[in-house]
Amino acid sequence: MSEKNYYVSDVFFKLTFGQNTSESKRLREFLLKNIIPLVPIHDLSVANPELTPQMIRMKNNILDIHMQNNQYEIDMEMQNSKMSVFLNRRFIHYSCRLIDYQLEAGDTSGKLKELIQIVFIRDIDKRCPRLMDDFYAKNTYNISQLGYLQTTIYVYLPYVNKIASEKECLSEFEALIYLMENGNVEGIKYEEKEGMIKMMKKKYNKFIKDKKMVKEVDARYQVQYDFQEWHDVDVEYAKKAGLEEGLLVGKKVGLDRGLEQGLLKGLSEGKLEMAKRQYEMKYHQDGEWLKECTQEQLDYFSQLILTDIESSELKEKIMNLVS
């Protein structure tokens, strides 16, 4: 990672908050009681504490912390990237899968538990800037849907810097978020009633001494960063390429027509390049076969690539769309 702040690594996050140890449980419960204070958490168990080198090397593997008790399922993850429609839909899709996984064949919907999805993200929702926000099903009168199953809570890490600039002394929870976002708590005053900052620093120092683990995290982060960066600029790239091509064509057949044709061509080329990049990053296979796809097939591809699907099945579905 370029900034060398591993506090925002999903690997460090899972190792710190997602294990069945007394320290990990204390840190985890400290986060939860500050984020969802009305939800009973004392009897929560972590369903997926495992973290192997193979899991880290699977670049698209979601290293979340999945907890459950008799009433709730809670899923928590660190997302070291910027908010986008693409990323938000991934969160929504994943939460739907987690709800679906609760039922086995023959089970009724009465067995479903409410899912609370908590996402720590290095971005701010500019529509309504704040440290935390929650989203759930409700109507235009702000009344919750009866029996709603899913709530997503975002913790916008960068916003803590604004809080720190306005408050003389941060709460212990705010200080912990500040530590995650900035990699240190230098220059700020904060409460420390439960020793969470010291505990986090201790975990962090142990983590960075494991050079092999750090190398794995660096490799994982670079692929994730490359993919996010590409996806964020793909539309702008397509528009720019289209306009440049359009200007050249416009000199010959008329500016208006050239811009229109160039924009369409640029969007088409941008869509193809994005599809190839997505395919090769997810499956580590050559994506040249996508050059033979129609625009309709590429549109279908953009939906399938976000799902949990094998490369052979994806390719078969795309190719069968022709017939």
Foldseek 3Di string as FASTA:
>chain_A
DVVPQCLLFQVLVLQQQAAPDPRNPVLVVVLCCVQPVVDDDPPKDWPDSDDDLVQLLQLPRFSWTWIDDQAEIEIETRDEAEDDPVVVVLVVVVVVVVQVVQDDPPDDPVSTHAYEYEYEYQYADVVDGDQKDKDFDDDPVRHHDPPTRYMYMYGHLVSLVVVQVVDQEAEPNSQSSPCSNPVDNPPGHYDDPPCNVVSSVVSVVVQVVPVVNVVSSVVSVVLVVVLNVLVVCLLVQLQVQLQVQLCVVCVPVHNVVSSVRSSVVSNVVSLLVNLQSLLCSNQVDGPPVSVPADPVLSVVSVVVSSDPDDPVVNVVVSVVVVD
